[in-house]
Amino acid sequence: MAADSDAHVTLSGKVEKIIPAAFDEPEKAQICVDKCDEFYEKVRIENKLTDKDGNAVGLKPGAKVEVSVDADKNAVTKKD
């Protein structure tokens, strides 16, 4: 969606820890996102990404990452 989005922001972050798979939940990567309110700075995602060759890969603790938010024109309002 990034190429076609009308609004976007990219924030830097760092993988804080890897949470092992448990029960029916997959392994997760906990990411601490910069420039967020302290209470909301951590997000958890399934630790399964795809590299440029199509291989399944996972993030490592301490890895620097970028978190992007993309929105189309119907999802945003103009700010002064």
N, C-alpha and C. Protein backbone atom coordinates (compact mmCIF):
# COMPACT_ATOMS: atom_id res chain seq x y z
N MET A 1 0.82 -1.20 0.00
CA MET A 1 0.00 0.00 0.00
C MET A 1 0.86 1.26 0.00
N ALA A 2 2.10 1.18 0.43
CA ALA A 2 2.94 2.35 0.59
C ALA A 2 3.03 3.19 -0.68
N ALA A 3 3.20 2.56 -1.82
CA ALA A 3 3.34 3.31 -3.06
C ALA A 3 2.05 4.03 -3.46
N ASP A 4 0.91 3.47 -3.08
CA ASP A 4 -0.37 4.04 -3.48
C ASP A 4 -1.04 4.84 -2.37
N SER A 5 -0.44 4.90 -1.18
CA SER A 5 -1.10 5.56 -0.07
C SER A 5 -1.03 7.07 -0.22
N ASP A 6 -2.00 7.74 0.41
CA ASP A 6 -2.05 9.20 0.37
C ASP A 6 -1.35 9.82 1.57
N ALA A 7 -1.16 9.05 2.63
CA ALA A 7 -0.48 9.54 3.83
C ALA A 7 0.32 8.40 4.44
N HIS A 8 1.49 8.73 4.95
CA HIS A 8 2.30 7.69 5.59
C HIS A 8 3.30 8.30 6.56
N VAL A 9 3.75 7.47 7.47
CA VAL A 9 4.82 7.82 8.39
C VAL A 9 5.62 6.55 8.65
N THR A 10 6.92 6.70 8.78
CA THR A 10 7.80 5.58 9.10
C THR A 10 8.56 5.94 10.36
N LEU A 11 8.48 5.07 11.35
CA LEU A 11 9.15 5.28 12.63
C LEU A 11 10.22 4.22 12.82
N SER A 12 11.32 4.59 13.45
CA SER A 12 12.35 3.60 13.73
C SER A 12 12.02 2.87 15.02
N GLY A 13 12.57 1.71 15.14
CA GLY A 13 12.35 0.91 16.33
C GLY A 13 13.43 -0.13 16.49
N LYS A 14 13.32 -0.92 17.56
CA LYS A 14 14.31 -1.93 17.86
C LYS A 14 13.60 -3.15 18.44
N VAL A 15 14.01 -4.33 17.99
CA VAL A 15 13.44 -5.56 18.53
C VAL A 15 13.95 -5.71 19.96
N GLU A 16 13.02 -5.66 20.89
CA GLU A 16 13.37 -5.72 22.31
C GLU A 16 13.58 -7.16 22.77
N LYS A 17 12.69 -8.05 22.33
CA LYS A 17 12.84 -9.45 22.71
C LYS A 17 12.01 -10.33 21.77
N ILE A 18 12.35 -11.60 21.78
CA ILE A 18 11.60 -12.60 21.03
C ILE A 18 10.83 -13.44 22.05
N ILE A 19 9.54 -13.57 21.82
CA ILE A 19 8.67 -14.32 22.72
C ILE A 19 8.42 -15.68 22.09
N PRO A 20 8.87 -16.75 22.74
CA PRO A 20 8.73 -18.08 22.16
C PRO A 20 7.28 -18.46 21.90
N ALA A 21 7.09 -19.33 20.94
CA ALA A 21 5.75 -19.86 20.65
C ALA A 21 5.24 -20.60 21.88
N ALA A 22 3.95 -20.47 22.14
CA ALA A 22 3.35 -21.16 23.28
C ALA A 22 1.93 -21.57 22.92
N PHE A 23 1.59 -22.78 23.26
CA PHE A 23 0.26 -23.33 22.98
C PHE A 23 -0.02 -23.17 21.49
N ASP A 24 -1.06 -22.46 21.13
CA ASP A 24 -1.37 -22.27 19.71
C ASP A 24 -0.93 -20.91 19.19
N GLU A 25 -0.16 -20.16 19.98
CA GLU A 25 0.35 -18.84 19.57
C GLU A 25 1.72 -18.99 18.91
N PRO A 26 1.96 -18.31 17.79
CA PRO A 26 3.27 -18.38 17.12
C PRO A 26 4.31 -17.54 17.86
N GLU A 27 5.57 -17.74 17.52
CA GLU A 27 6.65 -16.92 18.06
C GLU A 27 6.39 -15.45 17.70
N LYS A 28 6.66 -14.54 18.63
CA LYS A 28 6.42 -13.11 18.40
C LYS A 28 7.70 -12.32 18.62
N ALA A 29 7.80 -11.20 17.92
CA ALA A 29 8.87 -10.24 18.14
C ALA A 29 8.24 -9.02 18.80
N GLN A 30 8.81 -8.59 19.93
CA GLN A 30 8.34 -7.38 20.59
C GLN A 30 9.23 -6.23 20.15
N ILE A 31 8.61 -5.22 19.55
CA ILE A 31 9.34 -4.08 18.98
C ILE A 31 9.02 -2.84 19.79
N CYS A 32 10.06 -2.12 20.18
CA CYS A 32 9.91 -0.84 20.86
C CYS A 32 10.05 0.25 19.79
N VAL A 33 8.97 0.99 19.57
CA VAL A 33 8.91 2.00 18.51
C VAL A 33 9.28 3.37 19.08
N ASP A 34 10.22 4.05 18.43
CA ASP A 34 10.64 5.39 18.85
C ASP A 34 9.53 6.41 18.61
N LYS A 35 9.55 7.49 19.36
CA LYS A 35 8.64 8.63 19.21
C LYS A 35 7.18 8.28 19.50
N CYS A 36 6.96 7.32 20.38
CA CYS A 36 5.60 6.96 20.80
C CYS A 36 5.45 7.24 22.29
N ASP A 37 4.22 7.44 22.73
CA ASP A 37 3.97 7.56 24.15
C ASP A 37 4.46 6.29 24.83
N GLU A 38 5.02 6.46 26.03
CA GLU A 38 5.65 5.34 26.74
C GLU A 38 4.72 4.12 26.86
N PHE A 39 3.47 4.35 27.19
CA PHE A 39 2.53 3.26 27.39
C PHE A 39 2.23 2.50 26.09
N TYR A 40 2.42 3.14 24.94
CA TYR A 40 2.05 2.55 23.65
C TYR A 40 3.24 2.23 22.75
N GLU A 41 4.45 2.30 23.28
CA GLU A 41 5.63 2.17 22.43
C GLU A 41 5.97 0.75 22.01
N LYS A 42 5.37 -0.25 22.61
CA LYS A 42 5.71 -1.63 22.28
C LYS A 42 4.60 -2.29 21.46
N VAL A 43 5.01 -2.95 20.40
CA VAL A 43 4.09 -3.73 19.58
C VAL A 43 4.65 -5.13 19.44
N ARG A 44 3.77 -6.09 19.29
CA ARG A 44 4.18 -7.48 19.08
C ARG A 44 3.62 -7.96 17.76
N ILE A 45 4.50 -8.56 16.98
CA ILE A 45 4.09 -9.11 15.69
C ILE A 45 4.57 -10.55 15.60
N GLU A 46 3.91 -11.33 14.75
CA GLU A 46 4.39 -12.68 14.51
C GLU A 46 5.80 -12.56 13.92
N ASN A 47 6.73 -13.34 14.44
CA ASN A 47 8.11 -13.25 14.00
C ASN A 47 8.34 -14.14 12.78
N LYS A 48 7.63 -13.80 11.71
CA LYS A 48 7.77 -14.53 10.45
C LYS A 48 7.69 -13.51 9.32
N LEU A 49 8.82 -13.23 8.72
CA LEU A 49 8.92 -12.29 7.62
C LEU A 49 9.40 -13.06 6.39
N THR A 50 9.40 -12.39 5.25
CA THR A 50 9.87 -12.99 4.01
C THR A 50 11.00 -12.13 3.46
N ASP A 51 12.14 -12.76 3.14
CA ASP A 51 13.25 -11.99 2.57
C ASP A 51 13.04 -11.79 1.07
N LYS A 52 13.98 -11.09 0.44
CA LYS A 52 13.83 -10.74 -0.97
C LYS A 52 13.79 -11.96 -1.90
N ASP A 53 14.28 -13.11 -1.40
CA ASP A 53 14.27 -14.34 -2.20
C ASP A 53 13.05 -15.22 -1.91
N GLY A 54 12.15 -14.73 -1.04
CA GLY A 54 10.95 -15.49 -0.71
C GLY A 54 11.11 -16.47 0.43
N ASN A 55 12.25 -16.43 1.11
CA ASN A 55 12.49 -17.35 2.23
C ASN A 55 11.88 -16.81 3.52
N ALA A 56 11.38 -17.70 4.36
CA ALA A 56 10.86 -17.31 5.67
C ALA A 56 12.04 -17.00 6.58
N VAL A 57 11.99 -15.85 7.25
CA VAL A 57 13.05 -15.43 8.17
C VAL A 57 12.40 -14.85 9.42
N GLY A 58 13.20 -14.67 10.47
CA GLY A 58 12.70 -14.09 11.71
C GLY A 58 13.65 -13.00 12.20
N LEU A 59 13.12 -12.07 12.96
CA LEU A 59 13.92 -10.99 13.52
C LEU A 59 14.74 -11.49 14.70
N LYS A 60 15.89 -10.83 14.95
CA LYS A 60 16.75 -11.14 16.08
C LYS A 60 16.60 -10.06 17.14
N PRO A 61 16.79 -10.40 18.41
CA PRO A 61 16.77 -9.38 19.45
C PRO A 61 17.84 -8.32 19.16
N GLY A 62 17.47 -7.06 19.36
CA GLY A 62 18.40 -5.96 19.12
C GLY A 62 18.39 -5.43 17.70
N ALA A 63 17.69 -6.09 16.79
CA ALA A 63 17.65 -5.65 15.39
C ALA A 63 16.97 -4.30 15.28
N LYS A 64 17.54 -3.41 14.47
CA LYS A 64 16.91 -2.12 14.18
C LYS A 64 15.92 -2.33 13.05
N VAL A 65 14.71 -1.80 13.22
CA VAL A 65 13.64 -1.98 12.24
C VAL A 65 12.94 -0.66 11.97
N GLU A 66 12.11 -0.63 10.95
CA GLU A 66 11.24 0.50 10.65
C GLU A 66 9.80 0.03 10.68
N VAL A 67 8.95 0.83 11.30
CA VAL A 67 7.52 0.52 11.37
C VAL A 67 6.81 1.59 10.54
N SER A 68 6.03 1.15 9.55
CA SER A 68 5.36 2.09 8.65
C SER A 68 3.85 2.04 8.84
N VAL A 69 3.24 3.22 8.75
CA VAL A 69 1.78 3.34 8.77
C VAL A 69 1.40 4.03 7.48
N ASP A 70 0.54 3.39 6.70
CA ASP A 70 0.07 3.94 5.43
C ASP A 70 -1.45 4.03 5.47
N ALA A 71 -1.99 5.11 4.90
CA ALA A 71 -3.44 5.29 4.89
C ALA A 71 -3.87 5.91 3.57
N ASP A 72 -5.06 5.53 3.12
CA ASP A 72 -5.58 6.16 1.91
C ASP A 72 -6.32 7.44 2.27
N LYS A 73 -6.71 8.20 1.29
CA LYS A 73 -7.30 9.52 1.53
C LYS A 73 -8.59 9.47 2.32
N ASN A 74 -9.31 8.37 2.30
CA ASN A 74 -10.56 8.25 3.06
C ASN A 74 -10.33 8.02 4.54
N ALA A 75 -9.11 7.74 4.93
CA ALA A 75 -8.81 7.42 6.31
C ALA A 75 -8.14 8.56 7.08
N VAL A 76 -7.94 9.71 6.44
CA VAL A 76 -7.23 10.81 7.09
C VAL A 76 -8.03 12.12 7.02
N THR A 77 -7.69 13.04 7.91
CA THR A 77 -8.25 14.38 7.87
C THR A 77 -7.10 15.37 7.84
N LYS A 78 -7.31 16.52 7.26
CA LYS A 78 -6.27 17.52 7.15
C LYS A 78 -6.02 18.16 8.51
N LYS A 79 -4.73 18.38 8.83
CA LYS A 79 -4.31 19.02 10.07
C LYS A 79 -3.67 20.36 9.73
N ASP A 80 -3.93 21.36 10.57
CA ASP A 80 -3.31 22.68 10.35
C ASP A 80 -2.01 22.80 11.07
